[in-house]
Amino acid sequence: MKFITVAVWSAIFGEILGYIVSQLTAGTYSFTTVAIIAIVVGEIALVSIPAISGSAASKETLAEK
């Protein structure tokens, strides 16, 4: 369920950011390209951030869980 939620919110925020950036740079705006890139980045962040943060925790903190 969390993967679907992240995909939806990534697409929403990605579209907002993509539109603003395209207007500021006078570039072209592609709805599908922005959505795909935002969803991929969001899903990668969902998997990688906890993995990176978990490996940085001390052994004492992990033992308390």
PDB file of N, CA and C in Angstrom:
ATOM      1  N   MET A   1       0.817  -1.194   0.000  1.00  0.00           N
ATOM      2  CA  MET A   1       0.000   0.000   0.000  1.00  0.00           C
ATOM      3  C   MET A   1       0.862   1.259   0.000  1.00  0.00           C
ATOM      4  N   LYS A   2       2.009   1.200   0.728  1.00  0.00           N
ATOM      5  CA  LYS A   2       2.832   2.397   0.795  1.00  0.00           C
ATOM      6  C   LYS A   2       3.467   2.726  -0.565  1.00  0.00           C
ATOM      7  N   PHE A   3       3.690   1.704  -1.397  1.00  0.00           N
ATOM      8  CA  PHE A   3       4.257   1.973  -2.713  1.00  0.00           C
ATOM      9  C   PHE A   3       3.265   2.723  -3.600  1.00  0.00           C
ATOM     10  N   ILE A   4       1.995   2.385  -3.483  1.00  0.00           N
ATOM     11  CA  ILE A   4       0.968   3.075  -4.260  1.00  0.00           C
ATOM     12  C   ILE A   4       0.801   4.510  -3.772  1.00  0.00           C
ATOM     13  N   THR A   5       0.812   4.689  -2.453  1.00  0.00           N
ATOM     14  CA  THR A   5       0.675   6.030  -1.887  1.00  0.00           C
ATOM     15  C   THR A   5       1.839   6.924  -2.311  1.00  0.00           C
ATOM     16  N   VAL A   6       3.043   6.372  -2.249  1.00  0.00           N
ATOM     17  CA  VAL A   6       4.217   7.148  -2.667  1.00  0.00           C
ATOM     18  C   VAL A   6       4.142   7.476  -4.150  1.00  0.00           C
ATOM     19  N   ALA A   7       3.674   6.549  -4.960  1.00  0.00           N
ATOM     20  CA  ALA A   7       3.560   6.803  -6.396  1.00  0.00           C
ATOM     21  C   ALA A   7       2.575   7.922  -6.690  1.00  0.00           C
ATOM     22  N   VAL A   8       1.437   7.911  -5.992  1.00  0.00           N
ATOM     23  CA  VAL A   8       0.428   8.946  -6.220  1.00  0.00           C
ATOM     24  C   VAL A   8       0.958  10.315  -5.802  1.00  0.00           C
ATOM     25  N   TRP A   9       1.518  10.406  -4.583  1.00  0.00           N
ATOM     26  CA  TRP A   9       2.015  11.696  -4.106  1.00  0.00           C
ATOM     27  C   TRP A   9       3.237  12.165  -4.901  1.00  0.00           C
ATOM     28  N   SER A  10       4.077  11.242  -5.337  1.00  0.00           N
ATOM     29  CA  SER A  10       5.217  11.626  -6.173  1.00  0.00           C
ATOM     30  C   SER A  10       4.739  12.209  -7.493  1.00  0.00           C
ATOM     31  N   ALA A  11       3.719  11.599  -8.061  1.00  0.00           N
ATOM     32  CA  ALA A  11       3.179  12.110  -9.325  1.00  0.00           C
ATOM     33  C   ALA A  11       2.579  13.496  -9.136  1.00  0.00           C
ATOM     34  N   ILE A  12       1.844  13.689  -8.041  1.00  0.00           N
ATOM     35  CA  ILE A  12       1.216  14.990  -7.796  1.00  0.00           C
ATOM     36  C   ILE A  12       2.271  16.076  -7.606  1.00  0.00           C
ATOM     37  N   PHE A  13       3.207  15.836  -6.698  1.00  0.00           N
ATOM     38  CA  PHE A  13       4.242  16.845  -6.450  1.00  0.00           C
ATOM     39  C   PHE A  13       5.171  17.009  -7.651  1.00  0.00           C
ATOM     40  N   GLY A  14       5.414  15.926  -8.367  1.00  0.00           N
ATOM     41  CA  GLY A  14       6.242  16.002  -9.573  1.00  0.00           C
ATOM     42  C   GLY A  14       5.608  16.858 -10.647  1.00  0.00           C
ATOM     43  N   GLU A  15       4.291  16.718 -10.818  1.00  0.00           N
ATOM     44  CA  GLU A  15       3.595  17.533 -11.812  1.00  0.00           C
ATOM     45  C   GLU A  15       3.640  19.010 -11.451  1.00  0.00           C
ATOM     46  N   ILE A  16       3.458  19.310 -10.182  1.00  0.00           N
ATOM     47  CA  ILE A  16       3.526  20.715  -9.747  1.00  0.00           C
ATOM     48  C   ILE A  16       4.922  21.270  -9.998  1.00  0.00           C
ATOM     49  N   LEU A  17       5.926  20.526  -9.564  1.00  0.00           N
ATOM     50  CA  LEU A  17       7.306  20.979  -9.738  1.00  0.00           C
ATOM     51  C   LEU A  17       7.685  21.057 -11.213  1.00  0.00           C
ATOM     52  N   GLY A  18       7.263  20.072 -11.989  1.00  0.00           N
ATOM     53  CA  GLY A  18       7.561  20.063 -13.424  1.00  0.00           C
ATOM     54  C   GLY A  18       6.946  21.245 -14.154  1.00  0.00           C
ATOM     55  N   TYR A  19       5.717  21.585 -13.792  1.00  0.00           N
ATOM     56  CA  TYR A  19       5.051  22.720 -14.428  1.00  0.00           C
ATOM     57  C   TYR A  19       5.761  24.029 -14.084  1.00  0.00           C
ATOM     58  N   ILE A  20       6.082  24.208 -12.809  1.00  0.00           N
ATOM     59  CA  ILE A  20       6.756  25.443 -12.386  1.00  0.00           C
ATOM     60  C   ILE A  20       8.115  25.578 -13.060  1.00  0.00           C
ATOM     61  N   VAL A  21       8.878  24.504 -13.077  1.00  0.00           N
ATOM     62  CA  VAL A  21      10.211  24.558 -13.698  1.00  0.00           C
ATOM     63  C   VAL A  21      10.097  24.820 -15.198  1.00  0.00           C
ATOM     64  N   SER A  22       9.137  24.198 -15.865  1.00  0.00           N
ATOM     65  CA  SER A  22       9.002  24.425 -17.307  1.00  0.00           C
ATOM     66  C   SER A  22       8.600  25.864 -17.613  1.00  0.00           C
ATOM     67  N   GLN A  23       7.813  26.474 -16.751  1.00  0.00           N
ATOM     68  CA  GLN A  23       7.428  27.864 -16.964  1.00  0.00           C
ATOM     69  C   GLN A  23       8.587  28.821 -16.687  1.00  0.00           C
ATOM     70  N   LEU A  24       9.387  28.516 -15.680  1.00  0.00           N
ATOM     71  CA  LEU A  24      10.516  29.392 -15.358  1.00  0.00           C
ATOM     72  C   LEU A  24      11.635  29.304 -16.386  1.00  0.00           C
ATOM     73  N   THR A  25      11.804  28.152 -17.002  1.00  0.00           N
ATOM     74  CA  THR A  25      12.874  27.972 -17.981  1.00  0.00           C
ATOM     75  C   THR A  25      12.385  28.100 -19.422  1.00  0.00           C
ATOM     76  N   ALA A  26      11.103  28.368 -19.606  1.00  0.00           N
ATOM     77  CA  ALA A  26      10.489  28.473 -20.929  1.00  0.00           C
ATOM     78  C   ALA A  26      10.688  27.192 -21.728  1.00  0.00           C
ATOM     79  N   GLY A  27      10.688  26.058 -21.034  1.00  0.00           N
ATOM     80  CA  GLY A  27      10.817  24.761 -21.687  1.00  0.00           C
ATOM     81  C   GLY A  27       9.457  24.162 -21.982  1.00  0.00           C
ATOM     82  N   THR A  28       9.480  23.004 -22.603  1.00  0.00           N
ATOM     83  CA  THR A  28       8.235  22.315 -22.896  1.00  0.00           C
ATOM     84  C   THR A  28       7.845  21.454 -21.705  1.00  0.00           C
ATOM     85  N   TYR A  29       6.560  21.262 -21.527  1.00  0.00           N
ATOM     86  CA  TYR A  29       6.029  20.497 -20.403  1.00  0.00           C
ATOM     87  C   TYR A  29       5.366  19.236 -20.930  1.00  0.00           C
ATOM     88  N   SER A  30       5.872  18.090 -20.517  1.00  0.00           N
ATOM     89  CA  SER A  30       5.305  16.807 -20.912  1.00  0.00           C
ATOM     90  C   SER A  30       4.746  16.110 -19.680  1.00  0.00           C
ATOM     91  N   PHE A  31       3.439  15.962 -19.628  1.00  0.00           N
ATOM     92  CA  PHE A  31       2.765  15.382 -18.475  1.00  0.00           C
ATOM     93  C   PHE A  31       3.264  13.971 -18.163  1.00  0.00           C
ATOM     94  N   THR A  32       3.340  13.127 -19.168  1.00  0.00           N
ATOM     95  CA  THR A  32       3.713  11.726 -18.937  1.00  0.00           C
ATOM     96  C   THR A  32       5.173  11.582 -18.531  1.00  0.00           C
ATOM     97  N   THR A  33       6.062  12.330 -19.167  1.00  0.00           N
ATOM     98  CA  THR A  33       7.475  12.240 -18.820  1.00  0.00           C
ATOM     99  C   THR A  33       7.726  12.684 -17.393  1.00  0.00           C
ATOM    100  N   VAL A  34       7.111  13.778 -16.996  1.00  0.00           N
ATOM    101  CA  VAL A  34       7.272  14.286 -15.631  1.00  0.00           C
ATOM    102  C   VAL A  34       6.718  13.286 -14.629  1.00  0.00           C
ATOM    103  N   ALA A  35       5.575  12.691 -14.906  1.00  0.00           N
ATOM    104  CA  ALA A  35       4.967  11.729 -13.989  1.00  0.00           C
ATOM    105  C   ALA A  35       5.836  10.488 -13.828  1.00  0.00           C
ATOM    106  N   ILE A  36       6.355   9.969 -14.918  1.00  0.00           N
ATOM    107  CA  ILE A  36       7.190   8.766 -14.858  1.00  0.00           C
ATOM    108  C   ILE A  36       8.462   9.036 -14.064  1.00  0.00           C
ATOM    109  N   ILE A  37       9.119  10.151 -14.345  1.00  0.00           N
ATOM    110  CA  ILE A  37      10.361  10.483 -13.634  1.00  0.00           C
ATOM    111  C   ILE A  37      10.086  10.696 -12.152  1.00  0.00           C
ATOM    112  N   ALA A  38       9.021  11.383 -11.812  1.00  0.00           N
ATOM    113  CA  ALA A  38       8.688  11.645 -10.410  1.00  0.00           C
ATOM    114  C   ALA A  38       8.369  10.352  -9.667  1.00  0.00           C
ATOM    115  N   ILE A  39       7.632   9.456 -10.280  1.00  0.00           N
ATOM    116  CA  ILE A  39       7.295   8.187  -9.634  1.00  0.00           C
ATOM    117  C   ILE A  39       8.532   7.324  -9.432  1.00  0.00           C
ATOM    118  N   VAL A  40       9.406   7.263 -10.422  1.00  0.00           N
ATOM    119  CA  VAL A  40      10.634   6.473 -10.288  1.00  0.00           C
ATOM    120  C   VAL A  40      11.514   7.027  -9.170  1.00  0.00           C
ATOM    121  N   VAL A  41      11.689   8.341  -9.132  1.00  0.00           N
ATOM    122  CA  VAL A  41      12.501   8.955  -8.074  1.00  0.00           C
ATOM    123  C   VAL A  41      11.875   8.728  -6.701  1.00  0.00           C
ATOM    124  N   GLY A  42      10.567   8.839  -6.601  1.00  0.00           N
ATOM    125  CA  GLY A  42       9.879   8.611  -5.338  1.00  0.00           C
ATOM    126  C   GLY A  42      10.019   7.188  -4.835  1.00  0.00           C
ATOM    127  N   GLU A  43       9.891   6.225  -5.725  1.00  0.00           N
ATOM    128  CA  GLU A  43      10.017   4.822  -5.329  1.00  0.00           C
ATOM    129  C   GLU A  43      11.452   4.476  -4.948  1.00  0.00           C
ATOM    130  N   ILE A  44      12.424   5.039  -5.654  1.00  0.00           N
ATOM    131  CA  ILE A  44      13.829   4.819  -5.290  1.00  0.00           C
ATOM    132  C   ILE A  44      14.105   5.400  -3.912  1.00  0.00           C
ATOM    133  N   ALA A  45      13.576   6.581  -3.646  1.00  0.00           N
ATOM    134  CA  ALA A  45      13.761   7.202  -2.329  1.00  0.00           C
ATOM    135  C   ALA A  45      13.094   6.371  -1.243  1.00  0.00           C
ATOM    136  N   LEU A  46      11.932   5.805  -1.527  1.00  0.00           N
ATOM    137  CA  LEU A  46      11.215   4.983  -0.549  1.00  0.00           C
ATOM    138  C   LEU A  46      12.030   3.769  -0.132  1.00  0.00           C
ATOM    139  N   VAL A  47      12.751   3.189  -1.061  1.00  0.00           N
ATOM    140  CA  VAL A  47      13.544   2.002  -0.762  1.00  0.00           C
ATOM    141  C   VAL A  47      14.915   2.362  -0.191  1.00  0.00           C
ATOM    142  N   SER A  48      15.565   3.386  -0.745  1.00  0.00           N
ATOM    143  CA  SER A  48      16.958   3.656  -0.385  1.00  0.00           C
ATOM    144  C   SER A  48      17.139   4.442   0.912  1.00  0.00           C
ATOM    145  N   ILE A  49      16.263   5.361   1.227  1.00  0.00           N
ATOM    146  CA  ILE A  49      16.451   6.180   2.432  1.00  0.00           C
ATOM    147  C   ILE A  49      16.407   5.341   3.702  1.00  0.00           C
ATOM    148  N   PRO A  50      15.441   4.449   3.896  1.00  0.00           N
ATOM    149  CA  PRO A  50      15.492   3.614   5.104  1.00  0.00           C
ATOM    150  C   PRO A  50      16.708   2.680   5.135  1.00  0.00           C
ATOM    151  N   ALA A  51      17.135   2.207   3.968  1.00  0.00           N
ATOM    152  CA  ALA A  51      18.304   1.333   3.929  1.00  0.00           C
ATOM    153  C   ALA A  51      19.558   2.080   4.344  1.00  0.00           C
ATOM    154  N   ILE A  52      19.699   3.305   3.882  1.00  0.00           N
ATOM    155  CA  ILE A  52      20.856   4.115   4.239  1.00  0.00           C
ATOM    156  C   ILE A  52      20.780   4.517   5.708  1.00  0.00           C
ATOM    157  N   SER A  53      19.626   4.932   6.160  1.00  0.00           N
ATOM    158  CA  SER A  53      19.463   5.359   7.547  1.00  0.00           C
ATOM    159  C   SER A  53      19.631   4.194   8.516  1.00  0.00           C
ATOM    160  N   GLY A  54      19.173   3.033   8.153  1.00  0.00           N
ATOM    161  CA  GLY A  54      19.299   1.864   9.019  1.00  0.00           C
ATOM    162  C   GLY A  54      20.736   1.443   9.205  1.00  0.00           C
ATOM    163  N   SER A  55      21.537   1.581   8.173  1.00  0.00           N
ATOM    164  CA  SER A  55      22.936   1.190   8.288  1.00  0.00           C
ATOM    165  C   SER A  55      23.738   2.217   9.071  1.00  0.00           C
ATOM    166  N   ALA A  56      23.217   3.433   9.206  1.00  0.00           N
ATOM    167  CA  ALA A  56      23.928   4.472   9.936  1.00  0.00           C
ATOM    168  C   ALA A  56      23.617   4.442  11.431  1.00  0.00           C
ATOM    169  N   ALA A  57      22.600   3.705  11.826  1.00  0.00           N
ATOM    170  CA  ALA A  57      22.225   3.638  13.241  1.00  0.00           C
ATOM    171  C   ALA A  57      23.255   2.827  14.022  1.00  0.00           C
ATOM    172  N   SER A  58      23.443   3.221  15.254  1.00  0.00           N
ATOM    173  CA  SER A  58      24.395   2.493  16.092  1.00  0.00           C
ATOM    174  C   SER A  58      23.836   1.135  16.474  1.00  0.00           C
ATOM    175  N   LYS A  59      24.691   0.232  16.920  1.00  0.00           N
ATOM    176  CA  LYS A  59      24.250  -1.107  17.298  1.00  0.00           C
ATOM    177  C   LYS A  59      23.359  -1.056  18.539  1.00  0.00           C
ATOM    178  N   GLU A  60      23.593  -0.100  19.420  1.00  0.00           N
ATOM    179  CA  GLU A  60      22.769   0.020  20.617  1.00  0.00           C
ATOM    180  C   GLU A  60      21.337   0.410  20.243  1.00  0.00           C
ATOM    181  N   THR A  61      21.204   1.301  19.286  1.00  0.00           N
ATOM    182  CA  THR A  61      19.870   1.733  18.862  1.00  0.00           C
ATOM    183  C   THR A  61      19.124   0.573  18.215  1.00  0.00           C
ATOM    184  N   LEU A  62      19.805  -0.202  17.410  1.00  0.00           N
ATOM    185  CA  LEU A  62      19.172  -1.348  16.759  1.00  0.00           C
ATOM    186  C   LEU A  62      18.789  -2.421  17.771  1.00  0.00           C
ATOM    187  N   ALA A  63      19.565  -2.579  18.829  1.00  0.00           N
ATOM    188  CA  ALA A  63      19.270  -3.592  19.837  1.00  0.00           C
ATOM    189  C   ALA A  63      18.031  -3.220  20.652  1.00  0.00           C
ATOM    190  N   GLU A  64      17.771  -1.923  20.820  1.00  0.00           N
ATOM    191  CA  GLU A  64      16.613  -1.468  21.593  1.00  0.00           C
ATOM    192  C   GLU A  64      15.308  -1.736  20.856  1.00  0.00           C
ATOM    193  N   LYS A  65      15.341  -1.823  19.556  1.00  0.00           N
ATOM    194  CA  LYS A  65      14.119  -2.049  18.784  1.00  0.00           C
ATOM    195  C   LYS A  65      13.720  -3.467  18.980  1.00  0.00           C
TER     196      LYS A  65
END
